C-alpha atoms as a PDB file:
ATOM      1  CA  MET A   1       0.000   0.000   0.000  1.00  0.00           C
ATOM      2  CA  PRO A   2       1.316   3.498  -0.814  1.00  0.00           C
ATOM      3  CA  ASN A   3       2.340   5.625   2.144  1.00  0.00           C
ATOM      4  CA  SER A   4       1.916   2.674   4.517  1.00  0.00           C
ATOM      5  CA  ALA A   5       5.478   2.914   5.817  1.00  0.00           C
ATOM      6  CA  TYR A   6       8.170   5.524   6.357  1.00  0.00           C
ATOM      7  CA  THR A   7      11.927   5.079   6.043  1.00  0.00           C
ATOM      8  CA  PRO A   8      13.471   7.046   8.923  1.00  0.00           C
ATOM      9  CA  SER A   9      16.565   9.187   8.600  1.00  0.00           C
ATOM     10  CA  THR A  10      19.738   8.442  10.546  1.00  0.00           C
ATOM     11  CA  GLU A  11      18.852  11.370  12.817  1.00  0.00           C
ATOM     12  CA  LEU A  12      15.447   9.889  13.618  1.00  0.00           C
ATOM     13  CA  ARG A  13      16.910   6.433  14.263  1.00  0.00           C
ATOM     14  CA  ARG A  14      19.389   7.943  16.714  1.00  0.00           C
ATOM     15  CA  ALA A  15      16.630   9.863  18.464  1.00  0.00           C
ATOM     16  CA  PHE A  16      14.615   6.671  18.915  1.00  0.00           C
ATOM     17  CA  GLY A  17      17.756   4.932  20.164  1.00  0.00           C
ATOM     18  CA  THR A  18      18.368   7.675  22.722  1.00  0.00           C
ATOM     19  CA  VAL A  19      14.835   7.357  24.143  1.00  0.00           C
ATOM     20  CA  ARG A  20      15.226   3.557  24.233  1.00  0.00           C
ATOM     21  CA  ILE A  21      18.419   3.903  26.288  1.00  0.00           C
ATOM     22  CA  LEU A  22      16.695   6.307  28.693  1.00  0.00           C
ATOM     23  CA  PHE A  23      13.961   3.727  29.181  1.00  0.00           C
ATOM     24  CA  GLY A  24      16.657   1.117  29.792  1.00  0.00           C
ATOM     25  CA  ILE A  25      18.196   3.225  32.550  1.00  0.00           C
ATOM     26  CA  VAL A  26      14.843   3.135  34.362  1.00  0.00           C
ATOM     27  CA  TRP A  27      14.944  -0.657  34.237  1.00  0.00           C
ATOM     28  CA  LEU A  28      18.562  -0.680  35.385  1.00  0.00           C
ATOM     29  CA  VAL A  29      17.674   1.316  38.499  1.00  0.00           C
ATOM     30  CA  ASN A  30      14.687  -0.968  39.032  1.00  0.00           C
ATOM     31  CA  THR A  31      16.958  -4.022  38.905  1.00  0.00           C
ATOM     32  CA  TYR A  32      19.417  -2.474  41.342  1.00  0.00           C
ATOM     33  CA  LEU A  33      16.779  -1.750  43.981  1.00  0.00           C
ATOM     34  CA  GLN A  34      15.148  -5.147  43.544  1.00  0.00           C
ATOM     35  CA  MET A  35      18.405  -6.744  44.648  1.00  0.00           C
ATOM     36  CA  ASN A  36      17.647  -5.554  48.168  1.00  0.00           C
ATOM     37  CA  PRO A  37      16.531  -8.629  50.183  1.00  0.00           C
ATOM     38  CA  ALA A  38      13.379  -6.737  51.218  1.00  0.00           C
ATOM     39  CA  TYR A  39      12.078  -7.054  47.641  1.00  0.00           C
ATOM     40  CA  SER A  40      11.997 -10.850  47.744  1.00  0.00           C
ATOM     41  CA  ALA A  41      10.724 -10.847  51.331  1.00  0.00           C
ATOM     42  CA  HIS A  42       7.740  -8.647  50.406  1.00  0.00           C
ATOM     43  CA  PHE A  43       7.090 -10.111  46.964  1.00  0.00           C
ATOM     44  CA  LEU A  44       4.103 -12.263  47.926  1.00  0.00           C
ATOM     45  CA  ASP A  45       2.463  -9.380  49.804  1.00  0.00           C
ATOM     46  CA  SER A  46       2.735  -7.190  46.703  1.00  0.00           C
ATOM     47  CA  LEU A  47       0.249  -9.454  44.899  1.00  0.00           C
ATOM     48  CA  SER A  48      -2.621  -8.482  47.196  1.00  0.00           C
ATOM     49  CA  ALA A  49      -3.781  -5.543  45.041  1.00  0.00           C
ATOM     50  CA  ASP A  50      -6.231  -7.799  43.183  1.00  0.00           C
ATOM     51  CA  TRP A  51      -8.414  -8.348  46.247  1.00  0.00           C
ATOM     52  CA  ALA A  52      -8.182  -4.898  47.809  1.00  0.00           C
ATOM     53  CA  ALA A  53     -11.477  -3.385  48.932  1.00  0.00           C
ATOM     54  CA  GLY A  54     -13.487  -2.289  45.922  1.00  0.00           C
ATOM     55  CA  GLN A  55     -11.992  -4.751  43.432  1.00  0.00           C
ATOM     56  CA  PRO A  56     -14.413  -7.024  41.503  1.00  0.00           C
ATOM     57  CA  SER A  57     -14.790 -10.625  42.664  1.00  0.00           C
ATOM     58  CA  TRP A  58     -13.394 -12.109  39.429  1.00  0.00           C
ATOM     59  CA  LEU A  59     -10.187 -10.096  39.826  1.00  0.00           C
ATOM     60  CA  ALA A  60      -9.891 -11.167  43.457  1.00  0.00           C
ATOM     61  CA  ALA A  61     -10.245 -14.800  42.363  1.00  0.00           C
ATOM     62  CA  TYR A  62      -7.533 -14.303  39.750  1.00  0.00           C
ATOM     63  CA  GLY A  63      -5.295 -12.714  42.368  1.00  0.00           C
ATOM     64  CA  HIS A  64      -5.725 -15.608  44.790  1.00  0.00           C
ATOM     65  CA  TRP A  65      -5.020 -18.070  41.966  1.00  0.00           C
ATOM     66  CA  THR A  66      -1.815 -16.161  41.163  1.00  0.00           C
ATOM     67  CA  VAL A  67      -0.695 -16.272  44.786  1.00  0.00           C
ATOM     68  CA  HIS A  68      -1.402 -20.021  44.841  1.00  0.00           C
ATOM     69  CA  TRP A  69       0.938 -20.828  41.961  1.00  0.00           C
ATOM     70  CA  VAL A  70       3.571 -18.311  43.111  1.00  0.00           C
ATOM     71  CA  THR A  71       3.534 -19.988  46.531  1.00  0.00           C
ATOM     72  CA  ALA A  72       3.790 -23.411  44.897  1.00  0.00           C
ATOM     73  CA  MET A  73       6.828 -22.302  42.886  1.00  0.00           C
ATOM     74  CA  GLY A  74       8.338 -20.485  45.831  1.00  0.00           C
ATOM     75  CA  ALA A  75       7.832 -16.739  46.262  1.00  0.00           C
ATOM     76  CA  GLU A  76      11.547 -15.991  46.575  1.00  0.00           C
ATOM     77  CA  ARG A  77      12.285 -18.036  43.471  1.00  0.00           C
ATOM     78  CA  VAL A  78       9.660 -16.141  41.461  1.00  0.00           C
ATOM     79  CA  ALA A  79      11.023 -12.855  42.826  1.00  0.00           C
ATOM     80  CA  GLY A  80      14.492 -13.943  41.693  1.00  0.00           C
ATOM     81  CA  ILE A  81      13.131 -14.649  38.214  1.00  0.00           C
ATOM     82  CA  THR A  82      11.663 -11.143  38.005  1.00  0.00           C
ATOM     83  CA  ILE A  83      15.005  -9.640  39.074  1.00  0.00           C
ATOM     84  CA  ALA A  84      16.822 -11.624  36.383  1.00  0.00           C
ATOM     85  CA  LEU A  85      14.208 -10.658  33.805  1.00  0.00           C
ATOM     86  CA  ASP A  86      14.498  -6.988  34.715  1.00  0.00           C
ATOM     87  CA  ALA A  87      18.273  -7.231  34.337  1.00  0.00           C
ATOM     88  CA  PHE A  88      17.912  -8.760  30.863  1.00  0.00           C
ATOM     89  CA  LEU A  89      15.405  -6.090  29.866  1.00  0.00           C
ATOM     90  CA  ALA A  90      17.681  -3.304  31.111  1.00  0.00           C
ATOM     91  CA  ALA A  91      20.713  -4.718  29.285  1.00  0.00           C
ATOM     92  CA  SER A  92      18.720  -5.227  26.100  1.00  0.00           C
ATOM     93  CA  LEU A  93      17.239  -1.732  26.121  1.00  0.00           C
ATOM     94  CA  ILE A  94      20.578  -0.052  26.788  1.00  0.00           C
ATOM     95  CA  SER A  95      22.583  -2.119  24.285  1.00  0.00           C
ATOM     96  CA  GLY A  96      19.905  -2.738  21.677  1.00  0.00           C
ATOM     97  CA  VAL A  97      20.832  -6.426  21.616  1.00  0.00           C
ATOM     98  CA  GLY A  98      18.023  -8.982  21.833  1.00  0.00           C
ATOM     99  CA  LEU A  99      15.351  -6.675  20.458  1.00  0.00           C
ATOM    100  CA  PRO A 100      12.584  -6.895  19.431  1.00  0.00           C
ATOM    101  CA  PHE A 101      12.168 -10.323  21.111  1.00  0.00           C
ATOM    102  CA  LEU A 102      12.937  -9.096  24.630  1.00  0.00           C
ATOM    103  CA  ALA A 103      10.746  -6.035  24.099  1.00  0.00           C
ATOM    104  CA  TRP A 104       7.802  -8.341  23.374  1.00  0.00           C
ATOM    105  CA  VAL A 105       8.689 -10.153  26.592  1.00  0.00           C
ATOM    106  CA  GLY A 106       8.603  -6.743  28.289  1.00  0.00           C
ATOM    107  CA  VAL A 107       5.112  -6.076  26.937  1.00  0.00           C
ATOM    108  CA  LEU A 108       3.760  -9.373  28.290  1.00  0.00           C
ATOM    109  CA  TYR A 109       5.655  -9.056  31.579  1.00  0.00           C
ATOM    110  CA  ASN A 110       4.219  -5.600  32.239  1.00  0.00           C
ATOM    111  CA  LEU A 111       0.713  -6.702  31.388  1.00  0.00           C
ATOM    112  CA  TRP A 112       1.173  -9.449  33.971  1.00  0.00           C
ATOM    113  CA  LEU A 113       2.438  -6.889  36.509  1.00  0.00           C
ATOM    114  CA  TRP A 114      -0.563  -4.693  35.716  1.00  0.00           C
ATOM    115  CA  SER A 115      -2.946  -7.583  36.382  1.00  0.00           C
ATOM    116  CA  THR A 116      -1.294  -8.643  39.651  1.00  0.00           C
ATOM    117  CA  VAL A 117       0.763  -6.155  41.664  1.00  0.00           C
ATOM    118  CA  GLY A 118      -1.033  -3.347  39.836  1.00  0.00           C
ATOM    119  CA  GLY A 119      -4.562  -4.679  40.374  1.00  0.00           C
ATOM    120  CA  LEU A 120      -5.471  -3.496  36.830  1.00  0.00           C
ATOM    121  CA  GLY A 121      -5.073   0.033  38.147  1.00  0.00           C
ATOM    122  CA  GLY A 122      -7.974  -0.342  40.567  1.00  0.00           C
ATOM    123  CA  PRO A 123      -9.930  -0.228  42.677  1.00  0.00           C
ATOM    124  CA  TYR A 124     -11.814   2.368  40.651  1.00  0.00           C
ATOM    125  CA  THR A 125     -13.522   4.095  43.517  1.00  0.00           C
ATOM    126  CA  ALA A 126     -13.427   7.677  44.793  1.00  0.00           C
ATOM    127  CA  GLY A 127      -9.836   8.854  44.570  1.00  0.00           C
ATOM    128  CA  ALA A 128      -8.823   6.820  41.510  1.00  0.00           C
ATOM    129  CA  THR A 129      -6.890   8.930  39.003  1.00  0.00           C
ATOM    130  CA  ASP A 130      -5.441   6.648  36.298  1.00  0.00           C
ATOM    131  CA  PRO A 131      -5.407   3.073  34.922  1.00  0.00           C
ATOM    132  CA  GLY A 132      -2.291   2.072  36.849  1.00  0.00           C
ATOM    133  CA  THR A 133       1.436   1.936  36.281  1.00  0.00           C
ATOM    134  CA  ALA A 134       2.557  -1.097  34.311  1.00  0.00           C
ATOM    135  CA  ILE A 135       0.106  -0.499  31.447  1.00  0.00           C
ATOM    136  CA  VAL A 136       2.094   2.530  30.239  1.00  0.00           C
ATOM    137  CA  TYR A 137       5.335   0.534  30.623  1.00  0.00           C
ATOM    138  CA  ALA A 138       3.811  -2.020  28.239  1.00  0.00           C
ATOM    139  CA  LEU A 139       3.034   0.760  25.759  1.00  0.00           C
ATOM    140  CA  ALA A 140       6.612   2.039  26.022  1.00  0.00           C
ATOM    141  CA  PHE A 141       7.872  -1.442  25.110  1.00  0.00           C
ATOM    142  CA  LEU A 142       5.497  -1.475  22.121  1.00  0.00           C
ATOM    143  CA  LEU A 143       7.051   1.778  20.959  1.00  0.00           C
ATOM    144  CA  VAL A 144      10.525   0.279  21.355  1.00  0.00           C
ATOM    145  CA  ILE A 145       9.345  -2.360  18.874  1.00  0.00           C
ATOM    146  CA  TRP A 146       7.275  -0.247  16.501  1.00  0.00           C
ATOM    147  CA  THR A 147       9.910   2.496  16.149  1.00  0.00           C
ATOM    148  CA  ARG A 148      12.587  -0.149  15.472  1.00  0.00           C
ATOM    149  CA  SER A 149      14.625   1.711  18.078  1.00  0.00           C
ATOM    150  CA  TRP A 150      17.447  -0.869  18.091  1.00  0.00           C
ATOM    151  CA  GLU A 151      18.525   0.443  14.670  1.00  0.00           C
ATOM    152  CA  GLY A 152      19.966   3.590  16.263  1.00  0.00           C
ATOM    153  CA  LEU A 153      22.710   3.903  18.912  1.00  0.00           C
ATOM    154  CA  SER A 154      22.862   0.143  19.259  1.00  0.00           C
ATOM    155  CA  LEU A 155      25.293  -2.750  19.449  1.00  0.00           C
ATOM    156  CA  ALA A 156      22.822  -4.820  17.437  1.00  0.00           C
ATOM    157  CA  ARG A 157      23.486  -5.387  13.767  1.00  0.00           C
ATOM    158  CA  SER A 158      20.362  -5.511  11.637  1.00  0.00           C
ATOM    159  CA  ARG A 159      19.308  -4.240   8.229  1.00  0.00           C
ATOM    160  CA  PRO A 160      17.374  -0.977   8.630  1.00  0.00           C
ATOM    161  CA  GLN A 161      13.735  -1.228   7.657  1.00  0.00           C
ATOM    162  CA  ALA A 162      10.839   1.175   7.249  1.00  0.00           C
ATOM    163  CA  ILE A 163       8.509   1.974  10.137  1.00  0.00           C
ATOM    164  CA  SER A 164       4.838   1.066   9.789  1.00  0.00           C
ATOM    165  CA  LEU A 165       2.563   4.105   9.843  1.00  0.00           C
ATOM    166  CA  GLY A 166      -0.231   1.827  11.036  1.00  0.00           C
ATOM    167  CA  HIS A 167       1.776   0.863  14.103  1.00  0.00           C
ATOM    168  CA  MET A 168       2.513   4.489  14.917  1.00  0.00           C
ATOM    169  CA  ARG A 169      -1.155   5.366  14.523  1.00  0.00           C
ATOM    170  CA  ALA A 170      -2.073   2.508  16.880  1.00  0.00           C
ATOM    171  CA  ALA A 171       0.470   3.743  19.439  1.00  0.00           C
ATOM    172  CA  ARG A 172      -0.974   7.255  19.242  1.00  0.00           C
ATOM    173  CA  LEU A 173      -4.517   5.989  19.774  1.00  0.00           C
ATOM    174  CA  LEU A 174      -3.534   3.721  22.661  1.00  0.00           C
ATOM    175  CA  PHE A 175      -1.721   6.574  24.375  1.00  0.00           C
ATOM    176  CA  GLY A 176      -4.695   8.846  23.747  1.00  0.00           C
ATOM    177  CA  LEU A 177      -7.014   6.313  25.365  1.00  0.00           C
ATOM    178  CA  LEU A 178      -4.779   6.229  28.458  1.00  0.00           C
ATOM    179  CA  TRP A 179      -4.984  10.011  28.715  1.00  0.00           C
ATOM    180  CA  ALA A 180      -8.744   9.956  28.130  1.00  0.00           C
ATOM    181  CA  PHE A 181      -9.123   7.460  30.984  1.00  0.00           C
ATOM    182  CA  ASP A 182      -6.965   9.679  33.200  1.00  0.00           C
ATOM    183  CA  ALA A 183      -9.014  12.740  32.244  1.00  0.00           C
ATOM    184  CA  PHE A 184     -12.286  10.987  33.066  1.00  0.00           C
ATOM    185  CA  TRP A 185     -11.179  10.473  36.662  1.00  0.00           C
ATOM    186  CA  LYS A 186      -9.817  14.003  36.930  1.00  0.00           C
ATOM    187  CA  TRP A 187     -13.290  15.371  36.182  1.00  0.00           C
ATOM    188  CA  GLN A 188     -14.813  13.421  39.078  1.00  0.00           C
ATOM    189  CA  PRO A 189     -15.936  15.534  42.050  1.00  0.00           C
ATOM    190  CA  TYR A 190     -13.577  13.769  44.455  1.00  0.00           C
ATOM    191  CA  PHE A 191     -10.472  14.782  42.533  1.00  0.00           C
ATOM    192  CA  LEU A 192     -11.704  18.325  41.883  1.00  0.00           C
ATOM    193  CA  THR A 193     -12.223  18.876  45.606  1.00  0.00           C
ATOM    194  CA  HIS A 194      -9.184  16.928  46.860  1.00  0.00           C
ATOM    195  CA  ALA A 195      -6.517  17.748  44.250  1.00  0.00           C
ATOM    196  CA  VAL A 196      -4.092  19.147  46.832  1.00  0.00           C
ATOM    197  CA  SER A 197      -4.250  15.950  48.901  1.00  0.00           C
ATOM    198  CA  TYR A 198      -2.471  13.997  46.150  1.00  0.00           C
ATOM    199  CA  LEU A 199       0.569  16.231  46.577  1.00  0.00           C
ATOM    200  CA  GLN A 200       0.352  16.089  50.358  1.00  0.00           C
ATOM    201  CA  GLN A 201       0.283  12.277  50.260  1.00  0.00           C
ATOM    202  CA  ALA A 202       3.591  12.284  48.388  1.00  0.00           C
ATOM    203  CA  GLU A 203       5.511  14.063  51.165  1.00  0.00           C
ATOM    204  CA  PRO A 204       5.876  11.402  53.930  1.00  0.00           C
ATOM    205  CA  GLY A 205       9.203   9.581  53.812  1.00  0.00           C
ATOM    206  CA  GLU A 206      10.750  11.918  51.266  1.00  0.00           C
ATOM    207  CA  PRO A 207      14.022  13.796  51.845  1.00  0.00           C
ATOM    208  CA  ALA A 208      13.740  17.387  53.026  1.00  0.00           C
ATOM    209  CA  TRP A 209      14.483  18.952  49.645  1.00  0.00           C
ATOM    210  CA  ILE A 210      11.675  17.034  47.930  1.00  0.00           C
ATOM    211  CA  VAL A 211       9.263  17.912  50.745  1.00  0.00           C
ATOM    212  CA  ALA A 212      10.202  21.587  50.319  1.00  0.00           C
ATOM    213  CA  TYR A 213       9.782  21.317  46.539  1.00  0.00           C
ATOM    214  CA  ILE A 214       6.320  19.759  46.840  1.00  0.00           C
ATOM    215  CA  ALA A 215       5.330  22.231  49.574  1.00  0.00           C
ATOM    216  CA  PHE A 216       6.149  25.101  47.204  1.00  0.00           C
ATOM    217  CA  PHE A 217       3.661  23.810  44.646  1.00  0.00           C
ATOM    218  CA  ILE A 218       1.061  23.129  47.329  1.00  0.00           C
ATOM    219  CA  ALA A 219       1.368  26.768  48.391  1.00  0.00           C
ATOM    220  CA  LEU A 220       0.894  27.908  44.786  1.00  0.00           C
ATOM    221  CA  ILE A 221      -2.182  25.722  44.364  1.00  0.00           C
ATOM    222  CA  GLN A 222      -3.727  27.001  47.589  1.00  0.00           C
ATOM    223  CA  LEU A 223      -3.023  30.543  46.418  1.00  0.00           C
ATOM    224  CA  VAL A 224      -4.922  30.144  43.133  1.00  0.00           C
ATOM    225  CA  GLY A 225      -7.512  27.813  44.637  1.00  0.00           C
ATOM    226  CA  PRO A 226      -7.582  23.987  44.790  1.00  0.00           C
ATOM    227  CA  MET A 227     -10.751  23.780  42.675  1.00  0.00           C
ATOM    228  CA  ILE A 228      -9.197  25.921  39.947  1.00  0.00           C
ATOM    229  CA  PHE A 229      -6.143  23.676  39.943  1.00  0.00           C
ATOM    230  CA  GLY A 230      -8.336  20.567  39.748  1.00  0.00           C
ATOM    231  CA  VAL A 231     -10.207  21.967  36.745  1.00  0.00           C
ATOM    232  CA  PHE A 232      -6.899  22.951  35.107  1.00  0.00           C
ATOM    233  CA  ALA A 233      -5.552  19.395  35.532  1.00  0.00           C
ATOM    234  CA  ALA A 234      -8.745  17.849  34.142  1.00  0.00           C
ATOM    235  CA  LEU A 235      -8.814  20.278  31.212  1.00  0.00           C
ATOM    236  CA  ALA A 236      -5.116  19.762  30.410  1.00  0.00           C
ATOM    237  CA  GLU A 237      -5.487  15.975  30.367  1.00  0.00           C
ATOM    238  CA  SER A 238      -8.618  16.231  28.222  1.00  0.00           C
ATOM    239  CA  LEU A 239      -6.827  18.401  25.646  1.00  0.00           C
ATOM    240  CA  ILE A 240      -3.852  16.028  25.561  1.00  0.00           C
ATOM    241  CA  ALA A 241      -6.191  13.077  25.065  1.00  0.00           C
ATOM    242  CA  LEU A 242      -8.090  14.776  22.234  1.00  0.00           C
ATOM    243  CA  ALA A 243      -4.891  15.801  20.452  1.00  0.00           C
ATOM    244  CA  LEU A 244      -3.597  12.227  20.561  1.00  0.00           C
ATOM    245  CA  LEU A 245      -6.877  10.612  19.572  1.00  0.00           C
ATOM    246  CA  PHE A 246      -7.475  12.928  16.601  1.00  0.00           C
ATOM    247  CA  GLY A 247      -3.858  13.617  15.645  1.00  0.00           C
ATOM    248  CA  ARG A 248      -4.330  17.381  15.698  1.00  0.00           C
ATOM    249  CA  GLY A 249      -2.076  20.034  17.210  1.00  0.00           C
ATOM    250  CA  LEU A 250       0.561  17.517  18.230  1.00  0.00           C
ATOM    251  CA  ARG A 251       3.463  19.884  17.581  1.00  0.00           C
ATOM    252  CA  TRP A 252       2.144  22.091  20.371  1.00  0.00           C
ATOM    253  CA  MET A 253       0.510  19.462  22.576  1.00  0.00           C
ATOM    254  CA  ILE A 254       3.521  17.141  22.892  1.00  0.00           C
ATOM    255  CA  PRO A 255       5.629  19.747  24.769  1.00  0.00           C
ATOM    256  CA  LEU A 256       2.633  20.431  27.035  1.00  0.00           C
ATOM    257  CA  GLY A 257       2.142  16.720  27.694  1.00  0.00           C
ATOM    258  CA  LEU A 258       5.842  16.241  28.379  1.00  0.00           C
ATOM    259  CA  ALA A 259       5.998  19.158  30.815  1.00  0.00           C
ATOM    260  CA  TYR A 260       2.744  18.115  32.497  1.00  0.00           C
ATOM    261  CA  SER A 261       3.975  14.520  32.948  1.00  0.00           C
ATOM    262  CA  ILE A 262       7.257  15.642  34.477  1.00  0.00           C
ATOM    263  CA  GLY A 263       5.362  18.057  36.710  1.00  0.00           C
ATOM    264  CA  LEU A 264       3.160  15.252  38.047  1.00  0.00           C
ATOM    265  CA  TRP A 265       6.147  12.957  38.538  1.00  0.00           C
ATOM    266  CA  THR A 266       8.079  15.508  40.596  1.00  0.00           C
ATOM    267  CA  THR A 267       5.106  16.513  42.750  1.00  0.00           C
ATOM    268  CA  ALA A 268       2.225  14.041  43.177  1.00  0.00           C
ATOM    269  CA  GLU A 269       4.612  11.097  42.697  1.00  0.00           C
ATOM    270  CA  GLY A 270       7.437  12.562  44.761  1.00  0.00           C
ATOM    271  CA  TRP A 271      10.069  11.833  42.098  1.00  0.00           C
ATOM    272  CA  GLY A 272       9.063   8.162  42.321  1.00  0.00           C
ATOM    273  CA  GLY A 273       9.990   7.838  45.998  1.00  0.00           C
ATOM    274  CA  PRO A 274      10.251   7.330  48.835  1.00  0.00           C
ATOM    275  CA  TYR A 275      12.950   4.762  48.130  1.00  0.00           C
ATOM    276  CA  LEU A 276      12.521   2.490  51.112  1.00  0.00           C
ATOM    277  CA  PRO A 277      14.127  -0.979  50.957  1.00  0.00           C
ATOM    278  CA  GLY A 278      12.054  -3.108  48.605  1.00  0.00           C
ATOM    279  CA  ALA A 279       9.074  -0.776  48.823  1.00  0.00           C
ATOM    280  CA  THR A 280       9.021   0.850  45.409  1.00  0.00           C
ATOM    281  CA  ALA A 281      10.431  -1.744  43.039  1.00  0.00           C
ATOM    282  CA  ASN A 282       7.793  -4.240  44.220  1.00  0.00           C
ATOM    283  CA  LYS A 283       5.270  -2.490  41.980  1.00  0.00           C
ATOM    284  CA  GLY A 284       7.500  -2.391  38.940  1.00  0.00           C
ATOM    285  CA  ASP A 285       7.451   1.421  38.943  1.00  0.00           C
ATOM    286  CA  VAL A 286      10.688   2.174  40.700  1.00  0.00           C
ATOM    287  CA  LEU A 287      10.933   5.672  39.285  1.00  0.00           C
ATOM    288  CA  GLY A 288       7.220   6.345  39.114  1.00  0.00           C
ATOM    289  CA  THR A 289       4.476   6.322  36.500  1.00  0.00           C
ATOM    290  CA  THR A 290       4.217   9.655  34.735  1.00  0.00           C
ATOM    291  CA  ASN A 291       7.948   9.675  34.009  1.00  0.00           C
ATOM    292  CA  ILE A 292       7.175   6.769  31.677  1.00  0.00           C
ATOM    293  CA  TYR A 293       4.412   8.878  30.139  1.00  0.00           C
ATOM    294  CA  ALA A 294       7.207  11.394  29.490  1.00  0.00           C
ATOM    295  CA  ILE A 295       9.324   8.703  27.808  1.00  0.00           C
ATOM    296  CA  VAL A 296       6.397   7.802  25.556  1.00  0.00           C
ATOM    297  CA  PHE A 297       6.019  11.484  24.678  1.00  0.00           C
ATOM    298  CA  LEU A 298       9.718  11.565  23.751  1.00  0.00           C
ATOM    299  CA  PHE A 299       9.170   8.701  21.305  1.00  0.00           C
ATOM    300  CA  PHE A 300       6.292  10.650  19.762  1.00  0.00           C
ATOM    301  CA  ALA A 301       8.272  13.915  19.759  1.00  0.00           C
ATOM    302  CA  ALA A 302      11.044  12.284  17.735  1.00  0.00           C
ATOM    303  CA  TRP A 303       8.472  10.988  15.237  1.00  0.00           C
ATOM    304  CA  VAL A 304       6.602  14.287  14.908  1.00  0.00           C
ATOM    305  CA  TYR A 305       9.609  16.618  14.702  1.00  0.00           C
ATOM    306  CA  LEU A 306      12.023  14.380  12.775  1.00  0.00           C
ATOM    307  CA  GLY A 307       9.719  12.026  10.878  1.00  0.00           C
ATOM    308  CA  PRO A 308       7.135  12.202   8.073  1.00  0.00           C
ATOM    309  CA  SER A 309       5.850  15.652   9.033  1.00  0.00           C
ATOM    310  CA  ARG A 310       9.269  17.278   8.625  1.00  0.00           C
ATOM    311  CA  SER A 311       9.800  15.438   5.343  1.00  0.00           C
ATOM    312  CA  ARG A 312       6.436  16.759   4.138  1.00  0.00           C
ATOM    313  CA  VAL A 313       7.379  20.310   5.102  1.00  0.00           C
ATOM    314  CA  ALA A 314      10.707  20.007   3.266  1.00  0.00           C
ATOM    315  CA  ALA A 315       8.957  18.723   0.152  1.00  0.00           C
ATOM    316  CA  THR A 316       6.041  21.174   0.066  1.00  0.00           C
ATOM    317  CA  GLY A 317       7.251  24.144   2.065  1.00  0.00           C
ATOM    318  CA  ARG A 318       4.100  23.928   4.189  1.00  0.00           C
ATOM    319  CA  SER A 319       3.486  22.503   7.639  1.00  0.00           C
ATOM    320  CA  GLY A 320       0.504  20.195   7.965  1.00  0.00           C
ATOM    321  CA  THR A 321      -1.872  20.118  10.882  1.00  0.00           C
ATOM    322  CA  THR A 322      -1.628  16.403  11.596  1.00  0.00           C
ATOM    323  CA  ALA A 323       2.123  16.037  12.072  1.00  0.00           C
ATOM    324  CA  ASP A 324       0.916  12.811  11.867  1.00  0.00           C
ATOM    325  CA  LEU A 325       1.710   9.879  14.081  1.00  0.00           C
ATOM    326  CA  GLY A 326       0.717   7.403  11.454  1.00  0.00           C
ATOM    327  CA  ALA A 327      -1.401   9.342   8.987  1.00  0.00           C
ATOM    328  CA  PRO A 328      -0.211   8.519   5.476  1.00  0.00           C
ATOM    329  CA  GLY A 329      -0.021  12.018   4.048  1.00  0.00           C
END
């Protein structure tokens, strides 16, 4: 089919490779902290998210079944397997070797984490704000595959191939759906009236400088009004979702989404901490959640600013409105 694929420039391949390596560093830190004995000691307890209050009965049953076979295999042995797997994923992402096979493993592994230690992002009761952590990690691994990111800044040796526009369109839509789900919960009355509490909950256990940093933003929010901030957050996430779903205004919305994601990570998520022994890596989100949203945005930024849209501008002298993450001209 015409226009169904795009052959990336060397510059674009290197940009994808750079983002892939950044993602690999996250996994490297995750592996390092999982080596603390507290990770293995608490591994079985981390699977209890499926039967937390408010979760559906079928998910609770699945969670108990998971604990049964993990216990049968030996919880510490299974924990050791996850540590080894994380090490392989980190090495593969940083070096580029073993991809795309290990990236597909990463997709499946994170979907498993999402359904167990992540409780599918639930329970979806008052106070819920997003679909969970590991689901966006799975999307990041899909982008590692679909951007053929091992063809840039990599020790792997493979013949460069074109990137499927259909895959990039699918990635855009999936990411847009994640943001739409986030936005839905931000418009709920509980969030609009308790937005400041999410920042306050991030302070305990953090070092003094992070507490001071978060406190500064809490003071700003209280100055403008918590309800106004809640509406701003809901509106920002809605606009990001719409831009991704319809492929419009991405040149302007990607920087906003990137800045917004980093802002959430450094405030409501407390830079991913506190880094207590075995406490953070148990959930597979050692450095947080929205920092991975930022990594996904970096993949998209490389595609929008260095990919088909720029080629179209060079050929026609005009900038299109779609930029497009997968739109064939």
